[in-house]
Structure formats: C-alpha cells, structure tokens
Amino acid sequence: MNAIQKALIEKKPAEKGGAIAEERFGYQKDWAICKLLELHKSENDYLMIFEYHDDIVVLDSCDNPGLVSFYQIKTKSSGNWTTKNLLDKRKKLNSYLGKLFLNKLNFPEFESTLNFVSNARYSIELNNSSHKSLDFPKICVTDLSNSELNYINSNLCSELSKDKLEIVDTFFHVSTIPIQNSEASSISALVDYFEKFTSDEGIPRIQPLHETLINEIRRKSKYTYEVSSFEELMKYRSFSRSEFHDILMLALKKSNIDLRKIQEMIINRLNSENASIKNIQYFSKNSNQYIIDKLNIMNLLLKKLEKGVNEIISTMSDNDFDQALLPCAEMIYEKLINKYTLGNTLEKSYIMTVILFQIYGTFEL
C-alpha cells in the first residue's frame, strides 16, 4: 500500500454510508455513471469510491494514487447557492463546506481537491467584478472576491475550531444533469459513449446495462461493514477502471451474441414439438428475465447455475439428447437439484429456462 491507500483505511470516516435518501441517491448515482464514463474516456487509471469520507472520492490510480478528489453531490430544487447557505449548519454537525473541508484536515499531507457539485448555480461575488458567477459552470475558490474568501475562512475556522485555514483547491461545479429525470442523462451518456468509442462493435441494450450499474452503485454505496484493507475498499465500495471496463465490454459482448435469436429458435422448437401453451408462456417470460440477468456479471447465483448445468450436459451421451427439448431439460433439472444446492430463490420454470438455453447453445455466454 502506498501512503494514500494506507491513510484512507487508517483514517476512518466520520459517517457510515447506507442512510442515503432515495431522491438524493437517484441523482447521485446518475452523476456517478456520467463521471465514470468521463474518466473512462481517457487512457488514465482511476478508482471511484462511494460513500466513504464523502459522497464520492476519486483516486487517479488504483495501484499508486497521487491525487485524491473529494466530491459532495447536492441537489437544490429552487434558487442558487450562496456562501451563506453553503456554510449554514442548521441542525447538522457540519455545514456543506465544513464537511467538505474536513477532508483537507484529515489528509493534509496529500494532494487533493475539494469539489461541490449541484444542479443549481452559484450566486457568489467574484474578484473580477465584470464577471457574474451565475454565468460559469465551474468556479475555483481563488476566483472569489476577498470579502467572500474572508467570510468563508472565518466561518470555517469557527466551525472547525481552527485559528487559520488555507482555502485552496476547492471548486464549485454546476452539473448539466437536471434534478428531474436525471436517469435520462446517464442513459444518454451511455449511448453517447458506445456510439463514439465502440461504434464498430455495436451498441448493447442500454436499459439492462443501466440497471446493472445502478444496482452496483447502490450496493457499493450502502455497504455497511467496516473495511479493513485497501483491497476490501476496492472490492466492496469502489469501481476501478478495469471493473467498469469489464461491465461495459460484457454488455457489448452480449449484444453481439444475439440472445433474442436463440430465444426465438427455442420457442420455434417448442412449438414444433407441441409443447403446451403454458410451458411456452413460462419460457417466454423467464427468458426475458434471463437475458437481463446475464448482463449482471455480479450475479454469482446465475453463474453457479449455468456452470452446474453445463457440467451435467458434458457428462451426457448422445442418446440422452435423442428426445424432445422439454423432457431433456427435465432430466437435466432432476440431476441438477440432486447434485447442487441452489437454495429456494430460483423457481423451477426459471431454472428450466436456463437449461434450455444451455442445451440449445451448448456454450457459456
């Protein structure tokens, strides 16, 4: 572990993640997806950490980070931000800027930036009186007037019990993501990414990919156990460049392997073998869910099920397959439940659907 990795683990967060208001989380996860795509477009490494020391923390490397960027993501339904409401504690332990600046105090020896991000703009006096803060999508604290800087400094010193503070490397960002229907922005960003960077390979089904990313960000954000190593921090609370890349490429791979075509071929086969309407309806419903589930590389139960089915198929003779599709799948199902423990979370009709895909394709997607 390098110094930054060690410090992030040894200095425990003041708050534990998990208690995130769903409305705020909705905006935050969509901003995170857009930020991940922005980071991923470059050739540089990164690690995005969720709800650990701040809403989002970004390191410039997984293996040897040298820069830490702290982000607070806050929505505002009306009006603009002022230094007064940014420093307003009300019933909170710290103001927004106070909580953000704690990161500088907690990690003073490392290069870091503090970033306040919101859908709303900032009504703050700038040192250049000919400029209006409301016109800028990003404002550095050094662009503020002396009176604003003195007001921030005196309030933060009082709040954080310090005689003097150096207010540097702090930025106020206006997000282009609207507070209403923020999901549309992250979906659009995914489409834009694949159109620009993988157009020769195609574009995956965006909605299932988006759902997978949302679920992963939710899981990582709401991880409530204490992490005791940097490896655990990466595994349970972060997205590395390589992990995010794997999810994007798996989505692309799955779009190129036409599962819908296989689904149609199985339905045609079932019809030709006079399968009941009920069985075909079960397959149609469960196969739609299976296609979505396949996109989630973290679905370990599905991976276990597919592996078990393929292991059984590999031991069967040609004579075992010399029968109609459903009886063959039923035979595999009986062997499967006798050999493997799958729990009670998967219904038989779903397991039968997975078996049919494996029989018909005899490959792991």
Foldseek 3Di string as FASTA:
>chain_A
DDPVQVLLQVDFAPDFFAPDDPLQLVLLLLVVLLVLLVVLVDPWWKKWFDQGLERIWMFRHLPDGQEIEHEHEDEDPDDADELVQQQDQVVHLGGVVLSQCVVCVSCVPGHYAGEYEYQHFYQAAFCPNVDGRRVDQKDFPNRGHPVSVVVNFVSSCVSVVHPGDDRGRYMYGNDPQDSPPSVVVSLVSLVVSCVPPVVVLHHFDSPLLSVLSSVLQSQLRNPRDRDNGSVCSRVRGMDISVNVVVLRVQRSVLRNVPLVVVLVVLLVLCVVVVHDPVLSVLLVVLSVVVSSVSSNPPPVLVVVLLVLLLVLVVPDDPVLVPDRLQVSLVVSVVVSVVPDDSDDPDDPSNSSNSNSSCVSVVDDD
